[in-house]
């Protein structure tokens, strides 16, 4: 091989070597950019909230309503999420407050509301209103949530049970439980605001107490 040919071959090899270095550098840059972009994407992607596991069902935290629609509705109370509201429900239940009250506001595809001794939506117990305990429990079918006025800290005795998911209420109303069984008796509650012939809570009790437990008067206000 002549010296000129050897020089030409050397130059060609060097160009290929330099070109390969540039290609490798470019690929590394693109890969880094892709990783950086991948790291950025979650910021604009779906956000998920990790919800703590549901605690085991305990009789002392199980609320039972015997409804005029034909059966019992068992509901798990959640003192881990709304301790003050659960205490209020237990206190009123043990006093017999809910016995005989009507579902005075029942909207198809939304919810059934009860807990007003006046039956108009304007009543409550003689106890003070409660400070809101908004939490991460969603309003799903069978969710038990506390009713209130437009002001957040006005829940007292009225509650509602959702017929369907109503996610727009999340973190705006205090969820304090969920239906375990008997949802078919909730579905049968008469509709209306108020219903012409309202369905009733025949009797309410805490499962650990039993349906025949003696009633305990409310403390003097």
N, C-alpha and C. Protein backbone atom coordinates (compact mmCIF):
# COMPACT_ATOMS: atom_id res chain seq x y z
N UNK A 1 0.87 -1.18 0.00
CA UNK A 1 0.00 0.00 0.00
C UNK A 1 0.90 1.24 0.00
N UNK A 2 0.57 2.21 -0.84
CA UNK A 2 1.37 3.42 -0.92
C UNK A 2 1.13 4.28 0.30
N UNK A 3 2.03 5.20 0.55
CA UNK A 3 1.88 6.09 1.69
C UNK A 3 0.64 6.95 1.58
N UNK A 4 0.31 7.33 0.35
CA UNK A 4 -0.90 8.18 0.16
C UNK A 4 -2.16 7.40 0.49
N UNK A 5 -2.18 6.14 0.04
CA UNK A 5 -3.36 5.30 0.32
C UNK A 5 -3.49 5.03 1.81
N UNK A 6 -2.35 4.79 2.46
CA UNK A 6 -2.39 4.54 3.91
C UNK A 6 -2.90 5.75 4.66
N UNK A 7 -2.47 6.94 4.24
CA UNK A 7 -2.93 8.16 4.89
C UNK A 7 -4.44 8.34 4.71
N UNK A 8 -4.94 8.03 3.51
CA UNK A 8 -6.38 8.16 3.24
C UNK A 8 -7.18 7.21 4.13
N UNK A 9 -6.66 5.98 4.28
CA UNK A 9 -7.36 5.00 5.12
C UNK A 9 -7.36 5.45 6.58
N UNK A 10 -6.21 5.99 7.04
CA UNK A 10 -6.13 6.48 8.42
C UNK A 10 -7.13 7.61 8.67
N UNK A 11 -7.23 8.52 7.72
CA UNK A 11 -8.18 9.65 7.87
C UNK A 11 -9.62 9.15 7.93
N UNK A 12 -9.91 8.14 7.08
CA UNK A 12 -11.28 7.60 7.07
C UNK A 12 -11.60 6.93 8.40
N UNK A 13 -10.64 6.17 8.94
CA UNK A 13 -10.86 5.51 10.23
C UNK A 13 -11.05 6.52 11.35
N UNK A 14 -10.27 7.60 11.30
CA UNK A 14 -10.39 8.62 12.34
C UNK A 14 -11.75 9.32 12.28
N UNK A 15 -12.21 9.59 11.03
CA UNK A 15 -13.53 10.22 10.88
C UNK A 15 -14.62 9.32 11.46
N UNK A 16 -14.51 8.01 11.17
CA UNK A 16 -15.50 7.06 11.70
C UNK A 16 -15.46 7.02 13.23
N UNK A 17 -14.24 7.07 13.78
CA UNK A 17 -14.09 7.04 15.23
C UNK A 17 -14.72 8.28 15.87
N UNK A 18 -14.43 9.44 15.30
CA UNK A 18 -15.01 10.69 15.82
C UNK A 18 -16.52 10.68 15.68
N UNK A 19 -17.01 10.19 14.52
CA UNK A 19 -18.45 10.14 14.29
C UNK A 19 -19.14 9.24 15.32
N UNK A 20 -18.49 8.08 15.61
CA UNK A 20 -19.08 7.17 16.60
C UNK A 20 -19.15 7.83 17.97
N UNK A 21 -18.11 8.60 18.32
CA UNK A 21 -18.11 9.29 19.61
C UNK A 21 -19.27 10.28 19.70
N UNK A 22 -19.49 11.01 18.59
CA UNK A 22 -20.61 11.97 18.57
C UNK A 22 -21.96 11.26 18.69
N UNK A 23 -22.08 10.13 18.00
CA UNK A 23 -23.34 9.37 18.05
C UNK A 23 -23.60 8.86 19.46
N UNK A 24 -22.56 8.33 20.10
CA UNK A 24 -22.70 7.83 21.48
C UNK A 24 -23.08 8.96 22.42
N UNK A 25 -22.41 10.11 22.26
CA UNK A 25 -22.72 11.26 23.12
C UNK A 25 -24.15 11.73 22.92
N UNK A 26 -24.61 11.75 21.66
CA UNK A 26 -25.97 12.19 21.36
C UNK A 26 -26.99 11.23 21.96
N UNK A 27 -26.73 9.93 21.83
CA UNK A 27 -27.65 8.94 22.40
C UNK A 27 -27.73 9.06 23.91
N UNK A 28 -26.59 9.31 24.54
CA UNK A 28 -26.58 9.48 26.00
C UNK A 28 -27.38 10.71 26.40
N UNK A 29 -27.24 11.79 25.61
CA UNK A 29 -27.97 13.02 25.91
C UNK A 29 -29.47 12.80 25.78
N UNK A 30 -29.87 12.10 24.71
CA UNK A 30 -31.29 11.82 24.51
C UNK A 30 -31.84 10.93 25.62
N UNK A 31 -31.05 9.94 26.01
CA UNK A 31 -31.49 9.05 27.09
C UNK A 31 -31.67 9.81 28.38
N UNK A 32 -30.74 10.69 28.69
CA UNK A 32 -30.84 11.50 29.91
C UNK A 32 -32.07 12.40 29.87
N UNK A 33 -32.28 13.00 28.68
CA UNK A 33 -33.46 13.86 28.54
C UNK A 33 -34.74 13.08 28.71
N UNK A 34 -34.74 11.82 28.20
CA UNK A 34 -35.94 11.00 28.34
C UNK A 34 -36.23 10.67 29.78
N UNK A 35 -35.16 10.38 30.56
CA UNK A 35 -35.33 10.09 31.98
C UNK A 35 -35.85 11.32 32.70
N UNK A 36 -35.24 12.47 32.37
CA UNK A 36 -35.68 13.71 33.01
C UNK A 36 -37.13 13.99 32.70
N UNK A 37 -37.53 13.75 31.45
CA UNK A 37 -38.92 13.98 31.07
C UNK A 37 -39.83 13.01 31.79
N UNK A 38 -39.37 11.75 31.90
CA UNK A 38 -40.18 10.76 32.60
C UNK A 38 -40.40 11.15 34.04
N UNK A 39 -39.38 11.76 34.65
CA UNK A 39 -39.52 12.17 36.04
C UNK A 39 -40.49 13.33 36.18
N UNK A 40 -40.60 14.14 35.12
CA UNK A 40 -41.49 15.29 35.19
C UNK A 40 -42.95 14.90 34.99
N UNK A 41 -43.18 13.83 34.22
CA UNK A 41 -44.54 13.50 33.83
C UNK A 41 -45.51 13.28 34.98
N UNK A 42 -45.10 12.60 36.08
CA UNK A 42 -46.06 12.38 37.17
C UNK A 42 -46.65 13.65 37.73
N UNK A 43 -45.92 14.78 37.61
CA UNK A 43 -46.46 16.03 38.14
C UNK A 43 -47.77 16.41 37.46
N UNK A 44 -47.85 16.11 36.16
CA UNK A 44 -49.07 16.45 35.44
C UNK A 44 -50.01 15.29 35.28
N UNK A 45 -49.62 14.11 35.74
CA UNK A 45 -50.43 12.92 35.60
C UNK A 45 -51.41 12.76 36.73
N UNK A 46 -52.13 11.63 36.78
CA UNK A 46 -53.12 11.39 37.84
C UNK A 46 -52.48 11.38 39.21
N UNK A 47 -53.16 11.93 40.17
CA UNK A 47 -52.68 11.95 41.55
C UNK A 47 -53.49 10.95 42.36
N UNK A 48 -52.84 10.15 43.17
CA UNK A 48 -53.51 9.13 43.95
C UNK A 48 -53.29 9.38 45.44
N UNK A 49 -54.32 9.11 46.23
CA UNK A 49 -54.22 9.24 47.68
C UNK A 49 -54.25 7.85 48.29
N UNK A 50 -53.29 7.56 49.12
CA UNK A 50 -53.24 6.27 49.80
C UNK A 50 -54.14 6.34 51.02
N UNK A 51 -55.17 5.49 51.05
CA UNK A 51 -56.12 5.47 52.15
C UNK A 51 -55.77 4.30 53.07
N UNK A 52 -55.78 4.55 54.36
CA UNK A 52 -55.46 3.50 55.32
C UNK A 52 -56.48 2.37 55.24
N UNK A 53 -56.09 1.14 55.52
CA UNK A 53 -57.01 0.01 55.46
C UNK A 53 -58.20 0.20 56.40
N UNK A 54 -59.35 -0.35 55.99
CA UNK A 54 -60.54 -0.29 56.84
C UNK A 54 -60.32 -1.16 58.07
N UNK A 55 -60.60 -0.64 59.26
CA UNK A 55 -60.42 -1.45 60.47
C UNK A 55 -61.42 -2.59 60.53
N UNK A 56 -61.16 -3.61 61.33
CA UNK A 56 -62.11 -4.71 61.46
C UNK A 56 -63.43 -4.24 62.05
N UNK A 57 -64.51 -4.94 61.68
CA UNK A 57 -65.84 -4.60 62.19
C UNK A 57 -65.95 -5.06 63.64
N UNK A 58 -66.32 -4.14 64.52
CA UNK A 58 -66.48 -4.44 65.95
C UNK A 58 -67.91 -4.13 66.37
N UNK A 59 -68.52 -4.97 67.21
CA UNK A 59 -69.89 -4.71 67.65
C UNK A 59 -70.07 -3.35 68.31
N UNK A 60 -69.06 -2.89 69.06
CA UNK A 60 -69.18 -1.60 69.74
C UNK A 60 -69.14 -0.43 68.78
N UNK A 61 -68.73 -0.69 67.52
CA UNK A 61 -68.71 0.35 66.51
C UNK A 61 -69.61 -0.01 65.32
N UNK A 62 -70.67 -0.75 65.61
CA UNK A 62 -71.64 -1.13 64.59
C UNK A 62 -73.00 -0.56 64.96
N UNK A 63 -73.56 0.23 64.06
CA UNK A 63 -74.85 0.89 64.28
C UNK A 63 -75.91 0.10 63.51
N UNK A 64 -77.01 -0.19 64.16
CA UNK A 64 -78.08 -0.96 63.53
C UNK A 64 -79.36 -0.13 63.52
N UNK A 65 -79.98 -0.03 62.34
CA UNK A 65 -81.27 0.64 62.20
C UNK A 65 -82.30 -0.37 61.73
N UNK A 66 -83.37 -0.51 62.49
CA UNK A 66 -84.51 -1.30 62.05
C UNK A 66 -85.44 -0.35 61.30
N UNK A 67 -85.61 -0.57 60.00
CA UNK A 67 -86.39 0.36 59.18
C UNK A 67 -87.80 -0.16 58.92
N UNK A 68 -88.69 0.76 58.68
CA UNK A 68 -90.06 0.40 58.35
C UNK A 68 -90.16 -0.22 56.96
N UNK A 69 -89.08 -0.19 56.19
CA UNK A 69 -89.07 -0.80 54.86
C UNK A 69 -88.89 -2.31 54.91
N UNK A 70 -88.72 -2.87 56.12
CA UNK A 70 -88.77 -4.32 56.22
C UNK A 70 -87.55 -5.04 56.76
N UNK A 71 -86.54 -4.34 57.19
CA UNK A 71 -85.37 -5.06 57.70
C UNK A 71 -84.37 -4.17 58.40
N UNK A 72 -83.26 -4.79 58.77
CA UNK A 72 -82.21 -4.10 59.51
C UNK A 72 -81.07 -3.67 58.59
N UNK A 73 -80.55 -2.49 58.86
CA UNK A 73 -79.37 -1.98 58.17
C UNK A 73 -78.23 -1.94 59.18
N UNK A 74 -77.17 -2.68 58.92
CA UNK A 74 -75.99 -2.69 59.79
C UNK A 74 -74.92 -1.79 59.17
N UNK A 75 -74.36 -0.91 59.99
CA UNK A 75 -73.39 0.05 59.50
C UNK A 75 -72.15 0.09 60.39
N UNK A 76 -71.01 0.09 59.76
CA UNK A 76 -69.76 0.22 60.50
C UNK A 76 -69.49 1.70 60.76
N UNK A 77 -69.31 2.06 62.02
CA UNK A 77 -68.93 3.41 62.40
C UNK A 77 -67.41 3.53 62.36
N UNK A 78 -66.91 4.75 62.10
CA UNK A 78 -65.47 4.95 61.94
C UNK A 78 -64.93 5.98 62.94
N UNK A 79 -64.78 5.59 64.20
CA UNK A 79 -64.19 6.51 65.17
C UNK A 79 -62.74 6.88 64.85
N UNK A 80 -62.09 6.09 64.00
CA UNK A 80 -60.72 6.42 63.60
C UNK A 80 -60.67 7.61 62.66
N UNK A 81 -61.80 7.94 62.04
CA UNK A 81 -61.86 9.06 61.11
C UNK A 81 -62.71 10.23 61.63
N UNK A 82 -63.73 9.92 62.39
CA UNK A 82 -64.63 10.97 62.89
C UNK A 82 -65.06 10.64 64.32
N UNK A 83 -64.13 10.67 65.27
CA UNK A 83 -64.43 10.23 66.64
C UNK A 83 -65.54 11.02 67.33
N UNK A 84 -65.57 12.32 67.12
CA UNK A 84 -66.58 13.15 67.80
C UNK A 84 -67.97 12.87 67.23
N UNK A 85 -68.06 12.71 65.91
CA UNK A 85 -69.35 12.42 65.29
C UNK A 85 -69.85 11.03 65.68
N UNK A 86 -68.96 10.07 65.74
CA UNK A 86 -69.35 8.72 66.16
C UNK A 86 -69.84 8.74 67.61
N UNK A 87 -69.16 9.46 68.47
CA UNK A 87 -69.61 9.57 69.86
C UNK A 87 -71.01 10.18 69.93
N UNK A 88 -71.29 11.17 69.09
CA UNK A 88 -72.61 11.80 69.08
C UNK A 88 -73.68 10.81 68.64
N UNK A 89 -73.40 10.05 67.59
CA UNK A 89 -74.35 9.05 67.11
C UNK A 89 -74.65 8.03 68.20
N UNK A 90 -73.62 7.56 68.88
CA UNK A 90 -73.81 6.57 69.95
C UNK A 90 -74.62 7.17 71.10
N UNK A 91 -74.32 8.39 71.46
CA UNK A 91 -75.02 9.06 72.57
C UNK A 91 -76.50 9.21 72.25
N UNK A 92 -76.81 9.71 71.05
CA UNK A 92 -78.21 9.90 70.66
C UNK A 92 -78.93 8.56 70.51
N UNK A 93 -78.24 7.58 69.97
CA UNK A 93 -78.85 6.25 69.80
C UNK A 93 -79.21 5.64 71.15
N UNK A 94 -78.31 5.71 72.10
CA UNK A 94 -78.55 5.13 73.42
C UNK A 94 -79.63 5.88 74.20
N UNK A 95 -79.90 7.10 73.78
CA UNK A 95 -80.98 7.87 74.41
C UNK A 95 -82.33 7.62 73.73
N UNK A 96 -82.33 6.84 72.64
CA UNK A 96 -83.57 6.58 71.91
C UNK A 96 -83.98 7.71 70.99
N UNK A 97 -83.06 8.63 70.73
CA UNK A 97 -83.37 9.82 69.94
C UNK A 97 -83.88 9.47 68.54
N UNK A 98 -83.28 8.48 67.91
CA UNK A 98 -83.61 8.17 66.51
C UNK A 98 -84.85 7.29 66.35
N UNK A 99 -85.31 6.69 67.42
CA UNK A 99 -86.45 5.78 67.33
C UNK A 99 -87.70 6.53 66.84
N UNK A 100 -88.27 6.06 65.74
CA UNK A 100 -89.49 6.65 65.22
C UNK A 100 -89.30 7.81 64.26
N UNK A 101 -88.08 8.30 64.09
CA UNK A 101 -87.86 9.44 63.19
C UNK A 101 -87.99 9.02 61.73
N UNK A 102 -88.37 9.97 60.89
CA UNK A 102 -88.60 9.70 59.47
C UNK A 102 -87.37 10.03 58.62
N UNK A 103 -87.36 9.47 57.43
CA UNK A 103 -86.44 9.92 56.39
C UNK A 103 -87.18 11.04 55.65
N UNK A 104 -86.85 12.27 56.02
CA UNK A 104 -87.63 13.42 55.57
C UNK A 104 -87.18 14.00 54.23
N UNK A 105 -85.99 13.63 53.78
CA UNK A 105 -85.47 14.14 52.50
C UNK A 105 -84.78 12.99 51.78
N UNK A 106 -85.41 12.52 50.72
CA UNK A 106 -84.90 11.34 50.02
C UNK A 106 -84.92 11.63 48.52
N UNK A 107 -83.75 11.69 47.93
CA UNK A 107 -83.61 12.08 46.53
C UNK A 107 -83.10 10.89 45.72
N UNK A 108 -83.86 10.51 44.70
CA UNK A 108 -83.49 9.38 43.85
C UNK A 108 -82.10 9.59 43.25
N UNK A 109 -81.26 8.56 43.32
CA UNK A 109 -79.92 8.64 42.76
C UNK A 109 -78.95 9.45 43.59
N UNK A 110 -79.37 9.90 44.77
CA UNK A 110 -78.51 10.74 45.60
C UNK A 110 -78.39 10.17 47.00
N UNK A 111 -79.38 10.44 47.87
CA UNK A 111 -79.25 9.99 49.25
C UNK A 111 -80.59 10.01 49.98
N UNK A 112 -80.60 9.37 51.17
CA UNK A 112 -81.74 9.38 52.09
C UNK A 112 -81.29 10.01 53.40
N UNK A 113 -82.00 11.05 53.83
CA UNK A 113 -81.60 11.83 55.01
C UNK A 113 -82.62 11.67 56.14
N UNK A 114 -82.11 11.53 57.36
CA UNK A 114 -82.96 11.37 58.54
C UNK A 114 -82.28 12.02 59.73
N UNK A 115 -82.92 11.90 60.90
CA UNK A 115 -82.32 12.41 62.13
C UNK A 115 -82.86 13.73 62.61
N UNK A 116 -83.98 14.18 62.02
CA UNK A 116 -84.60 15.44 62.43
C UNK A 116 -85.91 15.16 63.15
N UNK A 117 -86.01 15.48 64.44
CA UNK A 117 -87.26 15.22 65.16
C UNK A 117 -88.44 16.03 64.64
N UNK A 118 -88.17 17.14 63.96
CA UNK A 118 -89.26 17.94 63.37
C UNK A 118 -89.74 17.35 62.05
N UNK A 119 -88.88 16.60 61.38
CA UNK A 119 -89.24 16.03 60.09
C UNK A 119 -89.25 17.04 58.96
N UNK A 120 -88.63 18.18 59.16
CA UNK A 120 -88.62 19.25 58.15
C UNK A 120 -87.23 19.53 57.60
N UNK A 121 -86.20 19.00 58.24
CA UNK A 121 -84.83 19.31 57.85
C UNK A 121 -84.24 20.46 58.63
N UNK A 122 -85.03 21.04 59.53
CA UNK A 122 -84.58 22.21 60.29
C UNK A 122 -84.32 21.90 61.76
N UNK A 123 -84.55 20.66 62.15
CA UNK A 123 -84.42 20.30 63.56
C UNK A 123 -83.15 19.54 63.87
N UNK A 124 -82.95 19.32 65.17
CA UNK A 124 -81.79 18.57 65.64
C UNK A 124 -81.97 18.26 67.11
N UNK A 125 -80.92 17.79 67.74
CA UNK A 125 -80.98 17.52 69.17
C UNK A 125 -80.72 18.80 69.94
N UNK A 126 -80.85 18.72 71.27
CA UNK A 126 -80.57 19.87 72.12
C UNK A 126 -79.07 20.02 72.39
N UNK A 127 -78.29 19.09 71.90
CA UNK A 127 -76.84 19.14 72.11
C UNK A 127 -76.19 20.16 71.17
N UNK A 128 -75.01 20.64 71.50
CA UNK A 128 -74.34 21.63 70.64
C UNK A 128 -73.97 21.04 69.28
N UNK A 129 -73.88 21.89 68.27
CA UNK A 129 -73.42 21.46 66.96
C UNK A 129 -71.95 21.02 67.04
N UNK A 130 -71.56 20.22 66.07
CA UNK A 130 -70.22 19.63 66.07
C UNK A 130 -69.28 20.32 65.09
N UNK A 131 -68.03 20.38 65.47
CA UNK A 131 -67.00 20.87 64.56
C UNK A 131 -66.73 19.81 63.50
N UNK A 132 -66.61 20.23 62.26
CA UNK A 132 -66.42 19.29 61.14
C UNK A 132 -65.20 18.40 61.35
N UNK A 133 -65.32 17.15 60.91
CA UNK A 133 -64.20 16.21 60.91
C UNK A 133 -64.05 15.64 59.50
N UNK A 134 -63.85 16.53 58.53
CA UNK A 134 -63.68 16.09 57.15
C UNK A 134 -62.47 15.16 57.07
N UNK A 135 -62.58 14.12 56.26
CA UNK A 135 -61.53 13.10 56.22
C UNK A 135 -61.40 12.53 54.82
N UNK A 136 -60.59 11.48 54.68
CA UNK A 136 -60.29 10.92 53.36
C UNK A 136 -61.27 9.83 52.92
N UNK A 137 -62.32 9.57 53.68
CA UNK A 137 -63.30 8.56 53.28
C UNK A 137 -64.22 9.14 52.20
N UNK A 138 -64.38 8.44 51.08
CA UNK A 138 -65.19 8.98 49.98
C UNK A 138 -66.68 8.71 50.15
N UNK A 139 -67.48 9.49 49.44
CA UNK A 139 -68.93 9.29 49.43
C UNK A 139 -69.28 8.30 48.32
N UNK A 140 -69.37 7.03 48.69
CA UNK A 140 -69.71 5.95 47.78
C UNK A 140 -71.11 5.45 48.08
N UNK A 141 -71.59 4.49 47.30
CA UNK A 141 -72.87 3.86 47.61
C UNK A 141 -72.77 3.23 49.00
N UNK A 142 -73.74 3.55 49.86
CA UNK A 142 -73.74 3.01 51.21
C UNK A 142 -72.97 3.82 52.22
N UNK A 143 -72.36 4.93 51.80
CA UNK A 143 -71.62 5.78 52.73
C UNK A 143 -72.58 6.46 53.70
N UNK A 144 -72.15 6.57 54.94
CA UNK A 144 -72.90 7.22 56.02
C UNK A 144 -72.20 8.54 56.32
N UNK A 145 -72.92 9.65 56.16
CA UNK A 145 -72.30 10.96 56.30
C UNK A 145 -73.23 11.88 57.09
N UNK A 146 -72.65 12.89 57.70
CA UNK A 146 -73.41 13.80 58.56
C UNK A 146 -73.94 14.97 57.74
N UNK A 147 -75.22 15.26 57.91
CA UNK A 147 -75.83 16.42 57.25
C UNK A 147 -75.52 17.69 58.04
N UNK A 148 -75.58 18.81 57.36
CA UNK A 148 -75.31 20.10 58.00
C UNK A 148 -75.92 21.21 57.17
N UNK A 149 -75.83 22.45 57.66
CA UNK A 149 -76.25 23.60 56.87
C UNK A 149 -75.09 24.00 55.96
N UNK A 150 -75.17 25.18 55.37
CA UNK A 150 -74.09 25.64 54.50
C UNK A 150 -72.81 25.94 55.27
N UNK A 151 -72.92 26.11 56.58
CA UNK A 151 -71.73 26.33 57.41
C UNK A 151 -71.13 24.98 57.79
N UNK A 152 -69.82 24.83 57.75
CA UNK A 152 -69.20 23.51 57.97
C UNK A 152 -69.37 22.93 59.36
N UNK A 153 -69.44 23.76 60.39
CA UNK A 153 -69.45 23.25 61.77
C UNK A 153 -70.86 23.26 62.37
N UNK A 154 -71.82 22.71 61.61
CA UNK A 154 -73.22 22.75 62.06
C UNK A 154 -73.88 21.37 62.10
N UNK A 155 -73.11 20.29 61.95
CA UNK A 155 -73.70 18.95 62.08
C UNK A 155 -74.16 18.75 63.52
N UNK A 156 -75.30 18.07 63.67
CA UNK A 156 -75.85 17.87 65.01
C UNK A 156 -76.38 16.45 65.20
N UNK A 157 -77.45 16.13 64.49
CA UNK A 157 -78.06 14.80 64.63
C UNK A 157 -78.46 14.20 63.29
N UNK A 158 -78.63 15.04 62.28
CA UNK A 158 -79.08 14.55 60.99
C UNK A 158 -77.94 13.88 60.22
N UNK A 159 -78.29 12.84 59.50
CA UNK A 159 -77.31 12.08 58.72
C UNK A 159 -77.95 11.66 57.41
N UNK A 160 -77.12 11.18 56.50
CA UNK A 160 -77.67 10.66 55.24
C UNK A 160 -76.87 9.44 54.79
N UNK A 161 -77.53 8.61 54.00
CA UNK A 161 -76.93 7.41 53.42
C UNK A 161 -76.98 7.57 51.90
N UNK A 162 -75.85 7.42 51.24
CA UNK A 162 -75.78 7.62 49.79
C UNK A 162 -76.34 6.41 49.03
N UNK A 163 -77.18 6.70 48.03
CA UNK A 163 -77.64 5.65 47.12
C UNK A 163 -76.57 5.32 46.07
N UNK A 164 -75.83 6.35 45.66
CA UNK A 164 -74.82 6.23 44.62
C UNK A 164 -73.58 7.03 45.02
N UNK A 165 -72.44 6.83 44.36
CA UNK A 165 -71.27 7.66 44.65
C UNK A 165 -71.57 9.14 44.38
N UNK A 166 -71.16 10.00 45.30
CA UNK A 166 -71.34 11.45 45.16
C UNK A 166 -70.01 12.10 45.55
N UNK A 167 -69.03 11.99 44.68
CA UNK A 167 -67.68 12.41 45.01
C UNK A 167 -67.55 13.92 45.25
N UNK A 168 -68.49 14.70 44.74
CA UNK A 168 -68.42 16.15 44.94
C UNK A 168 -68.59 16.53 46.41
N UNK A 169 -69.10 15.61 47.22
CA UNK A 169 -69.27 15.88 48.65
C UNK A 169 -68.02 15.57 49.47
N UNK A 170 -67.05 14.92 48.86
CA UNK A 170 -65.84 14.53 49.60
C UNK A 170 -65.13 15.75 50.19
N UNK A 171 -64.73 15.61 51.45
CA UNK A 171 -64.04 16.67 52.19
C UNK A 171 -64.90 17.91 52.40
N UNK A 172 -66.21 17.76 52.21
CA UNK A 172 -67.14 18.86 52.49
C UNK A 172 -68.19 18.45 53.52
N UNK A 173 -68.36 17.15 53.69
CA UNK A 173 -69.26 16.59 54.70
C UNK A 173 -68.49 15.50 55.44
N UNK A 174 -68.82 15.32 56.71
CA UNK A 174 -68.08 14.36 57.54
C UNK A 174 -68.62 12.95 57.34
N UNK A 175 -67.82 12.10 56.71
CA UNK A 175 -68.16 10.68 56.57
C UNK A 175 -67.79 9.98 57.87
N UNK A 176 -68.73 9.20 58.42
CA UNK A 176 -68.45 8.53 59.70
C UNK A 176 -68.80 7.06 59.69
N UNK A 177 -69.08 6.49 58.51
CA UNK A 177 -69.38 5.07 58.46
C UNK A 177 -69.81 4.61 57.09
N UNK A 178 -70.21 3.33 57.03
CA UNK A 178 -70.66 2.74 55.77
C UNK A 178 -71.61 1.58 56.06
N UNK A 179 -72.48 1.30 55.12
CA UNK A 179 -73.42 0.18 55.25
C UNK A 179 -72.67 -1.13 55.05
N UNK A 180 -72.89 -2.05 55.98
CA UNK A 180 -72.32 -3.40 55.88
C UNK A 180 -73.31 -4.37 55.25
N UNK A 181 -74.56 -4.26 55.65
CA UNK A 181 -75.61 -5.14 55.12
C UNK A 181 -76.96 -4.45 55.25
N UNK A 182 -77.90 -4.88 54.42
CA UNK A 182 -79.24 -4.31 54.47
C UNK A 182 -79.43 -3.11 53.55
N UNK A 183 -78.54 -2.93 52.58
CA UNK A 183 -78.68 -1.79 51.67
C UNK A 183 -79.98 -1.86 50.88
N UNK A 184 -80.50 -3.05 50.70
CA UNK A 184 -81.78 -3.18 49.98
C UNK A 184 -82.91 -2.48 50.72
N UNK A 185 -82.81 -2.41 52.06
CA UNK A 185 -83.85 -1.72 52.83
C UNK A 185 -83.67 -0.20 52.75
N UNK A 186 -82.44 0.23 52.53
CA UNK A 186 -82.20 1.66 52.26
C UNK A 186 -82.76 2.02 50.89
N UNK A 187 -82.52 1.16 49.89
CA UNK A 187 -83.02 1.41 48.54
C UNK A 187 -84.54 1.51 48.50
N UNK A 188 -85.21 0.89 49.45
CA UNK A 188 -86.68 0.88 49.47
C UNK A 188 -87.29 2.08 50.20
N UNK A 189 -86.46 2.96 50.76
CA UNK A 189 -86.98 4.14 51.47
C UNK A 189 -87.76 5.02 50.50
N UNK A 190 -88.92 5.49 50.94
CA UNK A 190 -89.80 6.32 50.11
C UNK A 190 -89.11 7.62 49.72
N UNK A 191 -89.24 7.99 48.42
CA UNK A 191 -88.63 9.21 47.91
C UNK A 191 -89.53 10.42 48.12
N UNK A 192 -88.86 11.59 48.19
CA UNK A 192 -89.60 12.84 48.31
C UNK A 192 -88.90 13.82 49.23
N UNK A 193 -89.32 15.09 49.16
CA UNK A 193 -88.74 16.16 50.00
C UNK A 193 -89.84 17.04 50.60
N UNK A 194 -90.63 16.55 51.53
CA UNK A 194 -90.58 15.21 52.14
C UNK A 194 -91.43 14.22 51.36
N UNK A 195 -91.26 12.94 51.62
CA UNK A 195 -92.12 11.93 50.98
C UNK A 195 -93.56 12.05 51.48
N UNK A 196 -94.50 11.66 50.64
CA UNK A 196 -95.91 11.70 51.04
C UNK A 196 -96.17 10.74 52.20
N UNK A 197 -95.54 9.60 52.16
CA UNK A 197 -95.66 8.61 53.24
C UNK A 197 -94.25 8.18 53.63
N UNK A 198 -93.58 8.94 54.48
CA UNK A 198 -92.15 8.71 54.74
C UNK A 198 -91.85 7.39 55.44
N UNK A 199 -90.73 6.82 55.08
CA UNK A 199 -90.22 5.63 55.78
C UNK A 199 -89.61 6.07 57.11
N UNK A 200 -89.56 5.12 58.07
CA UNK A 200 -89.14 5.48 59.42
C UNK A 200 -88.02 4.58 59.94
N UNK A 201 -87.31 5.12 60.92
CA UNK A 201 -86.41 4.31 61.74
C UNK A 201 -87.26 3.77 62.89
N UNK A 202 -87.57 2.50 62.86
CA UNK A 202 -88.40 1.91 63.91
C UNK A 202 -87.63 1.92 65.23
N UNK A 203 -86.38 1.50 65.16
CA UNK A 203 -85.54 1.48 66.35
C UNK A 203 -84.07 1.50 65.92
N UNK A 204 -83.24 2.14 66.72
CA UNK A 204 -81.80 2.19 66.45
C UNK A 204 -81.05 1.71 67.69
N UNK A 205 -79.95 0.99 67.47
CA UNK A 205 -79.13 0.55 68.61
C UNK A 205 -77.69 0.29 68.16
N UNK A 206 -76.81 0.27 69.14
CA UNK A 206 -75.43 -0.14 68.92
C UNK A 206 -75.37 -1.64 69.11
N UNK A 207 -74.75 -2.35 68.18
CA UNK A 207 -74.83 -3.81 68.16
C UNK A 207 -74.36 -4.44 69.46
N UNK A 208 -73.32 -3.90 70.07
CA UNK A 208 -72.82 -4.47 71.33
C UNK A 208 -73.82 -4.30 72.47
N UNK A 209 -74.72 -3.30 72.37
CA UNK A 209 -75.73 -3.08 73.41
C UNK A 209 -76.93 -4.01 73.24
N UNK A 210 -77.26 -4.32 71.98
CA UNK A 210 -78.45 -5.12 71.70
C UNK A 210 -79.68 -4.23 71.52
N UNK A 211 -80.70 -4.72 70.82
CA UNK A 211 -81.90 -3.91 70.53
C UNK A 211 -82.75 -3.59 71.75
N UNK A 212 -82.63 -4.36 72.81
CA UNK A 212 -83.47 -4.16 73.99
C UNK A 212 -82.75 -3.45 75.12
N UNK A 213 -81.62 -2.84 74.82
CA UNK A 213 -80.87 -2.14 75.87
C UNK A 213 -81.68 -0.98 76.43
N UNK A 214 -81.56 -0.75 77.72
CA UNK A 214 -82.26 0.37 78.36
C UNK A 214 -81.75 1.68 77.78
N UNK A 215 -82.68 2.62 77.63
CA UNK A 215 -82.33 3.93 77.10
C UNK A 215 -81.67 4.79 78.18
N UNK A 216 -80.66 5.57 77.75
CA UNK A 216 -79.91 6.43 78.67
C UNK A 216 -80.24 7.87 78.33
N UNK A 217 -80.83 8.63 79.26
CA UNK A 217 -81.20 10.01 78.96
C UNK A 217 -79.99 10.85 78.55
N UNK A 218 -80.24 11.82 77.68
CA UNK A 218 -79.17 12.73 77.28
C UNK A 218 -78.76 13.62 78.44
N UNK A 219 -77.51 14.02 78.48
CA UNK A 219 -77.09 14.94 79.55
C UNK A 219 -77.80 16.27 79.42
N UNK A 220 -78.01 16.93 80.53
CA UNK A 220 -78.68 18.23 80.51
C UNK A 220 -77.83 19.22 79.73
N UNK A 221 -78.48 20.00 78.87
CA UNK A 221 -77.75 20.97 78.05
C UNK A 221 -77.45 22.23 78.84
